[in-house]
């Protein structure tokens, strides 16, 4: 039971990190278009959370095989 739960958390956690990474990537593109709009929309706290989340997604993608884990959800 715990192995199945651990695998489920690993697979769907990887999907969540990938989705958050795509959202952060979209905000990064928006920063190049209009940085003031992004900062005004997110606020200072939101912008700090955005930066920390971007670094966390990058770190997790190097530590784990996120794409391989996500493929297991659809296999």
PDB file of N, CA and C in Angstrom:
ATOM      1  N   UNK A   1       0.820  -1.195   0.000  1.00  0.00           N
ATOM      2  CA  UNK A   1       0.000   0.000   0.000  1.00  0.00           C
ATOM      3  C   UNK A   1       0.864   1.260   0.000  1.00  0.00           C
ATOM      4  N   UNK A   2       1.884   1.298   0.844  1.00  0.00           N
ATOM      5  CA  UNK A   2       2.719   2.498   0.908  1.00  0.00           C
ATOM      6  C   UNK A   2       3.528   2.676  -0.365  1.00  0.00           C
ATOM      7  N   UNK A   3       3.927   1.564  -0.989  1.00  0.00           N
ATOM      8  CA  UNK A   3       4.676   1.671  -2.237  1.00  0.00           C
ATOM      9  C   UNK A   3       3.796   2.266  -3.325  1.00  0.00           C
ATOM     10  N   UNK A   4       2.549   1.833  -3.387  1.00  0.00           N
ATOM     11  CA  UNK A   4       1.628   2.368  -4.382  1.00  0.00           C
ATOM     12  C   UNK A   4       1.353   3.849  -4.124  1.00  0.00           C
ATOM     13  N   UNK A   5       1.171   4.219  -2.867  1.00  0.00           N
ATOM     14  CA  UNK A   5       0.926   5.613  -2.523  1.00  0.00           C
ATOM     15  C   UNK A   5       2.154   6.457  -2.835  1.00  0.00           C
ATOM     16  N   UNK A   6       3.330   5.951  -2.514  1.00  0.00           N
ATOM     17  CA  UNK A   6       4.567   6.679  -2.780  1.00  0.00           C
ATOM     18  C   UNK A   6       4.749   6.894  -4.282  1.00  0.00           C
ATOM     19  N   UNK A   7       4.442   5.867  -5.073  1.00  0.00           N
ATOM     20  CA  UNK A   7       4.571   5.991  -6.524  1.00  0.00           C
ATOM     21  C   UNK A   7       3.542   6.984  -7.070  1.00  0.00           C
ATOM     22  N   UNK A   8       2.332   6.954  -6.544  1.00  0.00           N
ATOM     23  CA  UNK A   8       1.298   7.892  -6.985  1.00  0.00           C
ATOM     24  C   UNK A   8       1.698   9.327  -6.673  1.00  0.00           C
ATOM     25  N   UNK A   9       2.218   9.561  -5.475  1.00  0.00           N
ATOM     26  CA  UNK A   9       2.667  10.903  -5.096  1.00  0.00           C
ATOM     27  C   UNK A   9       3.824  11.337  -5.984  1.00  0.00           C
ATOM     28  N   UNK A  10       4.742  10.432  -6.292  1.00  0.00           N
ATOM     29  CA  UNK A  10       5.886  10.756  -7.148  1.00  0.00           C
ATOM     30  C   UNK A  10       5.426  11.146  -8.539  1.00  0.00           C
ATOM     31  N   UNK A  11       4.498  10.378  -9.101  1.00  0.00           N
ATOM     32  CA  UNK A  11       4.039  10.624 -10.469  1.00  0.00           C
ATOM     33  C   UNK A  11       3.246  11.927 -10.549  1.00  0.00           C
ATOM     34  N   UNK A  12       2.251  12.087  -9.690  1.00  0.00           N
ATOM     35  CA  UNK A  12       1.414  13.285  -9.775  1.00  0.00           C
ATOM     36  C   UNK A  12       2.117  14.520  -9.217  1.00  0.00           C
ATOM     37  N   UNK A  13       3.051  14.334  -8.315  1.00  0.00           N
ATOM     38  CA  UNK A  13       3.886  15.451  -7.876  1.00  0.00           C
ATOM     39  C   UNK A  13       4.759  15.962  -9.003  1.00  0.00           C
ATOM     40  N   UNK A  14       5.264  15.041  -9.821  1.00  0.00           N
ATOM     41  CA  UNK A  14       6.059  15.439 -10.981  1.00  0.00           C
ATOM     42  C   UNK A  14       5.211  16.209 -11.981  1.00  0.00           C
ATOM     43  N   UNK A  15       3.970  15.767 -12.179  1.00  0.00           N
ATOM     44  CA  UNK A  15       3.062  16.506 -13.067  1.00  0.00           C
ATOM     45  C   UNK A  15       2.812  17.918 -12.531  1.00  0.00           C
ATOM     46  N   UNK A  16       2.613  18.037 -11.235  1.00  0.00           N
ATOM     47  CA  UNK A  16       2.368  19.340 -10.629  1.00  0.00           C
ATOM     48  C   UNK A  16       3.569  20.268 -10.803  1.00  0.00           C
ATOM     49  N   UNK A  17       4.772  19.740 -10.590  1.00  0.00           N
ATOM     50  CA  UNK A  17       5.978  20.555 -10.749  1.00  0.00           C
ATOM     51  C   UNK A  17       6.140  20.987 -12.202  1.00  0.00           C
ATOM     52  N   UNK A  18       5.831  20.106 -13.150  1.00  0.00           N
ATOM     53  CA  UNK A  18       5.932  20.478 -14.560  1.00  0.00           C
ATOM     54  C   UNK A  18       4.932  21.568 -14.923  1.00  0.00           C
ATOM     55  N   UNK A  19       3.712  21.467 -14.426  1.00  0.00           N
ATOM     56  CA  UNK A  19       2.701  22.495 -14.716  1.00  0.00           C
ATOM     57  C   UNK A  19       3.113  23.833 -14.107  1.00  0.00           C
ATOM     58  N   UNK A  20       3.593  23.804 -12.879  1.00  0.00           N
ATOM     59  CA  UNK A  20       4.050  25.041 -12.242  1.00  0.00           C
ATOM     60  C   UNK A  20       5.243  25.613 -13.001  1.00  0.00           C
ATOM     61  N   UNK A  21       6.117  24.739 -13.487  1.00  0.00           N
ATOM     62  CA  UNK A  21       7.254  25.198 -14.288  1.00  0.00           C
ATOM     63  C   UNK A  21       6.817  25.881 -15.568  1.00  0.00           C
ATOM     64  N   UNK A  22       5.786  25.340 -16.226  1.00  0.00           N
ATOM     65  CA  UNK A  22       5.272  25.980 -17.437  1.00  0.00           C
ATOM     66  C   UNK A  22       4.657  27.343 -17.123  1.00  0.00           C
ATOM     67  N   UNK A  23       3.942  27.442 -16.008  1.00  0.00           N
ATOM     68  CA  UNK A  23       3.369  28.733 -15.616  1.00  0.00           C
ATOM     69  C   UNK A  23       4.461  29.759 -15.313  1.00  0.00           C
ATOM     70  N   UNK A  24       5.507  29.318 -14.629  1.00  0.00           N
ATOM     71  CA  UNK A  24       6.623  30.224 -14.345  1.00  0.00           C
ATOM     72  C   UNK A  24       7.339  30.619 -15.633  1.00  0.00           C
ATOM     73  N   UNK A  25       7.414  29.695 -16.577  1.00  0.00           N
ATOM     74  CA  UNK A  25       8.007  30.025 -17.872  1.00  0.00           C
ATOM     75  C   UNK A  25       7.202  31.083 -18.599  1.00  0.00           C
ATOM     76  N   UNK A  26       5.883  30.986 -18.519  1.00  0.00           N
ATOM     77  CA  UNK A  26       5.030  32.008 -19.123  1.00  0.00           C
ATOM     78  C   UNK A  26       5.227  33.368 -18.474  1.00  0.00           C
ATOM     79  N   UNK A  27       5.366  33.382 -17.151  1.00  0.00           N
ATOM     80  CA  UNK A  27       5.626  34.650 -16.465  1.00  0.00           C
ATOM     81  C   UNK A  27       7.002  35.203 -16.816  1.00  0.00           C
ATOM     82  N   UNK A  28       7.960  34.322 -17.064  1.00  0.00           N
ATOM     83  CA  UNK A  28       9.290  34.776 -17.472  1.00  0.00           C
ATOM     84  C   UNK A  28       9.217  35.462 -18.828  1.00  0.00           C
ATOM     85  N   UNK A  29       8.450  34.900 -19.748  1.00  0.00           N
ATOM     86  CA  UNK A  29       8.268  35.540 -21.052  1.00  0.00           C
ATOM     87  C   UNK A  29       7.567  36.884 -20.873  1.00  0.00           C
ATOM     88  N   UNK A  30       6.575  36.933 -19.988  1.00  0.00           N
ATOM     89  CA  UNK A  30       5.874  38.193 -19.728  1.00  0.00           C
ATOM     90  C   UNK A  30       6.807  39.239 -19.125  1.00  0.00           C
ATOM     91  N   UNK A  31       7.797  38.804 -18.344  1.00  0.00           N
ATOM     92  CA  UNK A  31       8.764  39.751 -17.785  1.00  0.00           C
ATOM     93  C   UNK A  31       9.552  40.447 -18.878  1.00  0.00           C
ATOM     94  N   UNK A  32       9.887  39.722 -19.937  1.00  0.00           N
ATOM     95  CA  UNK A  32      10.628  40.334 -21.033  1.00  0.00           C
ATOM     96  C   UNK A  32       9.745  41.291 -21.832  1.00  0.00           C
ATOM     97  N   UNK A  33       8.446  41.051 -21.853  1.00  0.00           N
ATOM     98  CA  UNK A  33       7.533  41.922 -22.596  1.00  0.00           C
ATOM     99  C   UNK A  33       7.219  43.179 -21.781  1.00  0.00           C
ATOM    100  N   UNK A  34       6.798  42.997 -20.539  1.00  0.00           N
ATOM    101  CA  UNK A  34       6.448  44.146 -19.693  1.00  0.00           C
ATOM    102  C   UNK A  34       6.705  43.786 -18.232  1.00  0.00           C
ATOM    103  N   UNK A  35       7.879  44.141 -17.758  1.00  0.00           N
ATOM    104  CA  UNK A  35       8.253  43.812 -16.381  1.00  0.00           C
ATOM    105  C   UNK A  35       7.374  44.545 -15.372  1.00  0.00           C
ATOM    106  N   UNK A  36       7.012  45.773 -15.684  1.00  0.00           N
ATOM    107  CA  UNK A  36       6.199  46.540 -14.732  1.00  0.00           C
ATOM    108  C   UNK A  36       4.815  45.914 -14.558  1.00  0.00           C
ATOM    109  N   UNK A  37       4.241  45.368 -15.638  1.00  0.00           N
ATOM    110  CA  UNK A  37       2.929  44.726 -15.535  1.00  0.00           C
ATOM    111  C   UNK A  37       2.994  43.507 -14.620  1.00  0.00           C
ATOM    112  N   UNK A  38       4.057  42.703 -14.759  1.00  0.00           N
ATOM    113  CA  UNK A  38       4.193  41.497 -13.937  1.00  0.00           C
ATOM    114  C   UNK A  38       4.346  41.868 -12.471  1.00  0.00           C
ATOM    115  N   UNK A  39       5.194  42.854 -12.186  1.00  0.00           N
ATOM    116  CA  UNK A  39       5.414  43.248 -10.793  1.00  0.00           C
ATOM    117  C   UNK A  39       4.150  43.872 -10.206  1.00  0.00           C
ATOM    118  N   UNK A  40       3.432  44.683 -10.990  1.00  0.00           N
ATOM    119  CA  UNK A  40       2.187  45.282 -10.494  1.00  0.00           C
ATOM    120  C   UNK A  40       1.112  44.224 -10.278  1.00  0.00           C
ATOM    121  N   UNK A  41       1.062  43.225 -11.158  1.00  0.00           N
ATOM    122  CA  UNK A  41       0.038  42.189 -11.050  1.00  0.00           C
ATOM    123  C   UNK A  41       0.307  41.263  -9.867  1.00  0.00           C
ATOM    124  N   UNK A  42       1.543  40.820  -9.729  1.00  0.00           N
ATOM    125  CA  UNK A  42       1.881  39.878  -8.665  1.00  0.00           C
ATOM    126  C   UNK A  42       2.095  40.560  -7.322  1.00  0.00           C
ATOM    127  N   UNK A  43       2.550  41.790  -7.329  1.00  0.00           N
ATOM    128  CA  UNK A  43       2.947  42.452  -6.097  1.00  0.00           C
ATOM    129  C   UNK A  43       4.343  41.984  -5.710  1.00  0.00           C
ATOM    130  N   UNK A  44       4.900  42.594  -4.700  1.00  0.00           N
ATOM    131  CA  UNK A  44       6.265  42.255  -4.302  1.00  0.00           C
ATOM    132  C   UNK A  44       6.353  40.844  -3.720  1.00  0.00           C
ATOM    133  N   UNK A  45       5.402  40.486  -2.874  1.00  0.00           N
ATOM    134  CA  UNK A  45       5.410  39.148  -2.265  1.00  0.00           C
ATOM    135  C   UNK A  45       5.200  38.083  -3.337  1.00  0.00           C
ATOM    136  N   UNK A  46       4.270  38.312  -4.246  1.00  0.00           N
ATOM    137  CA  UNK A  46       4.036  37.365  -5.334  1.00  0.00           C
ATOM    138  C   UNK A  46       5.239  37.222  -6.231  1.00  0.00           C
ATOM    139  N   UNK A  47       5.932  38.328  -6.468  1.00  0.00           N
ATOM    140  CA  UNK A  47       7.126  38.271  -7.311  1.00  0.00           C
ATOM    141  C   UNK A  47       8.230  37.465  -6.633  1.00  0.00           C
ATOM    142  N   UNK A  48       8.396  37.643  -5.336  1.00  0.00           N
ATOM    143  CA  UNK A  48       9.395  36.856  -4.597  1.00  0.00           C
ATOM    144  C   UNK A  48       9.021  35.378  -4.630  1.00  0.00           C
ATOM    145  N   UNK A  49       7.738  35.065  -4.443  1.00  0.00           N
ATOM    146  CA  UNK A  49       7.290  33.666  -4.528  1.00  0.00           C
ATOM    147  C   UNK A  49       7.522  33.098  -5.927  1.00  0.00           C
ATOM    148  N   UNK A  50       7.306  33.918  -6.948  1.00  0.00           N
ATOM    149  CA  UNK A  50       7.558  33.496  -8.329  1.00  0.00           C
ATOM    150  C   UNK A  50       9.028  33.130  -8.525  1.00  0.00           C
ATOM    151  N   UNK A  51       9.923  33.980  -8.037  1.00  0.00           N
ATOM    152  CA  UNK A  51      11.360  33.722  -8.193  1.00  0.00           C
ATOM    153  C   UNK A  51      11.755  32.456  -7.445  1.00  0.00           C
ATOM    154  N   UNK A  52      11.289  32.298  -6.209  1.00  0.00           N
ATOM    155  CA  UNK A  52      11.620  31.101  -5.433  1.00  0.00           C
ATOM    156  C   UNK A  52      11.045  29.842  -6.074  1.00  0.00           C
ATOM    157  N   UNK A  53       9.821  29.926  -6.591  1.00  0.00           N
ATOM    158  CA  UNK A  53       9.200  28.774  -7.247  1.00  0.00           C
ATOM    159  C   UNK A  53       9.949  28.388  -8.507  1.00  0.00           C
ATOM    160  N   UNK A  54      10.421  29.380  -9.257  1.00  0.00           N
ATOM    161  CA  UNK A  54      11.189  29.092 -10.467  1.00  0.00           C
ATOM    162  C   UNK A  54      12.468  28.340 -10.123  1.00  0.00           C
ATOM    163  N   UNK A  55      13.178  28.797  -9.093  1.00  0.00           N
ATOM    164  CA  UNK A  55      14.397  28.103  -8.686  1.00  0.00           C
ATOM    165  C   UNK A  55      14.095  26.706  -8.151  1.00  0.00           C
ATOM    166  N   UNK A  56      13.002  26.562  -7.411  1.00  0.00           N
ATOM    167  CA  UNK A  56      12.622  25.257  -6.879  1.00  0.00           C
ATOM    168  C   UNK A  56      12.288  24.284  -8.003  1.00  0.00           C
ATOM    169  N   UNK A  57      11.555  24.739  -9.013  1.00  0.00           N
ATOM    170  CA  UNK A  57      11.223  23.872 -10.155  1.00  0.00           C
ATOM    171  C   UNK A  57      12.484  23.449 -10.900  1.00  0.00           C
ATOM    172  N   UNK A  58      13.413  24.382 -11.068  1.00  0.00           N
ATOM    173  CA  UNK A  58      14.664  24.041 -11.740  1.00  0.00           C
ATOM    174  C   UNK A  58      15.454  23.019 -10.929  1.00  0.00           C
ATOM    175  N   UNK A  59      15.515  23.201  -9.628  1.00  0.00           N
ATOM    176  CA  UNK A  59      16.234  22.267  -8.762  1.00  0.00           C
ATOM    177  C   UNK A  59      15.597  20.889  -8.792  1.00  0.00           C
ATOM    178  N   UNK A  60      14.271  20.824  -8.699  1.00  0.00           N
ATOM    179  CA  UNK A  60      13.582  19.533  -8.723  1.00  0.00           C
ATOM    180  C   UNK A  60      13.729  18.839 -10.072  1.00  0.00           C
ATOM    181  N   UNK A  61      13.775  19.610 -11.154  1.00  0.00           N
ATOM    182  CA  UNK A  61      13.918  18.984 -12.465  1.00  0.00           C
ATOM    183  C   UNK A  61      15.299  18.365 -12.627  1.00  0.00           C
ATOM    184  N   UNK A  62      16.311  18.923 -11.965  1.00  0.00           N
ATOM    185  CA  UNK A  62      17.635  18.319 -12.019  1.00  0.00           C
ATOM    186  C   UNK A  62      17.755  17.115 -11.087  1.00  0.00           C
ATOM    187  N   UNK A  63      17.021  17.132  -9.978  1.00  0.00           N
ATOM    188  CA  UNK A  63      17.122  16.050  -9.007  1.00  0.00           C
ATOM    189  C   UNK A  63      16.335  14.811  -9.413  1.00  0.00           C
ATOM    190  N   UNK A  64      15.210  14.998 -10.079  1.00  0.00           N
ATOM    191  CA  UNK A  64      14.321  13.881 -10.397  1.00  0.00           C
ATOM    192  C   UNK A  64      14.018  13.857 -11.886  1.00  0.00           C
ATOM    193  N   UNK A  65      13.642  12.692 -12.374  1.00  0.00           N
ATOM    194  CA  UNK A  65      13.242  12.531 -13.770  1.00  0.00           C
ATOM    195  C   UNK A  65      11.768  12.898 -13.885  1.00  0.00           C
ATOM    196  N   UNK A  66      11.492  14.190 -13.954  1.00  0.00           N
ATOM    197  CA  UNK A  66      10.106  14.651 -13.924  1.00  0.00           C
ATOM    198  C   UNK A  66       9.325  14.207 -15.149  1.00  0.00           C
ATOM    199  N   UNK A  67       9.922  14.306 -16.314  1.00  0.00           N
ATOM    200  CA  UNK A  67       9.211  13.935 -17.538  1.00  0.00           C
ATOM    201  C   UNK A  67       8.957  12.435 -17.570  1.00  0.00           C
ATOM    202  N   UNK A  68       9.935  11.642 -17.157  1.00  0.00           N
ATOM    203  CA  UNK A  68       9.743  10.195 -17.098  1.00  0.00           C
ATOM    204  C   UNK A  68       8.662   9.804 -16.108  1.00  0.00           C
ATOM    205  N   UNK A  69       8.635  10.486 -14.957  1.00  0.00           N
ATOM    206  CA  UNK A  69       7.594  10.209 -13.966  1.00  0.00           C
ATOM    207  C   UNK A  69       6.221  10.618 -14.482  1.00  0.00           C
ATOM    208  N   UNK A  70       6.148  11.740 -15.179  1.00  0.00           N
ATOM    209  CA  UNK A  70       4.862  12.213 -15.694  1.00  0.00           C
ATOM    210  C   UNK A  70       4.328  11.289 -16.786  1.00  0.00           C
ATOM    211  N   UNK A  71       5.216  10.692 -17.556  1.00  0.00           N
ATOM    212  CA  UNK A  71       4.776   9.758 -18.599  1.00  0.00           C
ATOM    213  C   UNK A  71       4.095   8.540 -17.990  1.00  0.00           C
ATOM    214  N   UNK A  72       4.488   8.169 -16.774  1.00  0.00           N
ATOM    215  CA  UNK A  72       3.867   7.026 -16.104  1.00  0.00           C
ATOM    216  C   UNK A  72       2.399   7.287 -15.794  1.00  0.00           C
ATOM    217  N   UNK A  73       2.012   8.547 -15.643  1.00  0.00           N
ATOM    218  CA  UNK A  73       0.616   8.858 -15.342  1.00  0.00           C
ATOM    219  C   UNK A  73      -0.288   8.548 -16.524  1.00  0.00           C
ATOM    220  N   UNK A  74       0.252   8.601 -17.732  1.00  0.00           N
ATOM    221  CA  UNK A  74      -0.555   8.376 -18.928  1.00  0.00           C
ATOM    222  C   UNK A  74      -0.287   7.027 -19.572  1.00  0.00           C
ATOM    223  N   UNK A  75       0.555   6.221 -18.945  1.00  0.00           N
ATOM    224  CA  UNK A  75       0.883   4.900 -19.515  1.00  0.00           C
ATOM    225  C   UNK A  75      -0.088   3.840 -19.046  1.00  0.00           C
TER     226      UNK A  75
END
